[in-house]
Amino acid sequence: MESEDGTAGLSTAALVAIGCNAFVAVLLVLLCLILYRACRVPSSPERLPVLDPSEAGNQQTKEHKYLLTS
């Protein structure tokens, strides 16, 4: 069951596979962190439509002011 020279180490292919899997795991953690932070913060808060009740009333009066009647 043991190898002929007495070492019971992992093969080179197994070490490469472990290294690649560790690298992919780090990339997945970074992706999850980026997605978590992106979902928490709105992308452009200055462009969100915020209507002040006083502004909404003023806008209605401005629209009525410029209506054309025939």
Foldseek 3Di string as FASTA:
>chain_A
DADPVRDDDDDPVVVVVVVVVVVVVVVVVVVVVVVVVPVVDDPDVVPDDDDDVVVVVVVVVVVVVPDDDD
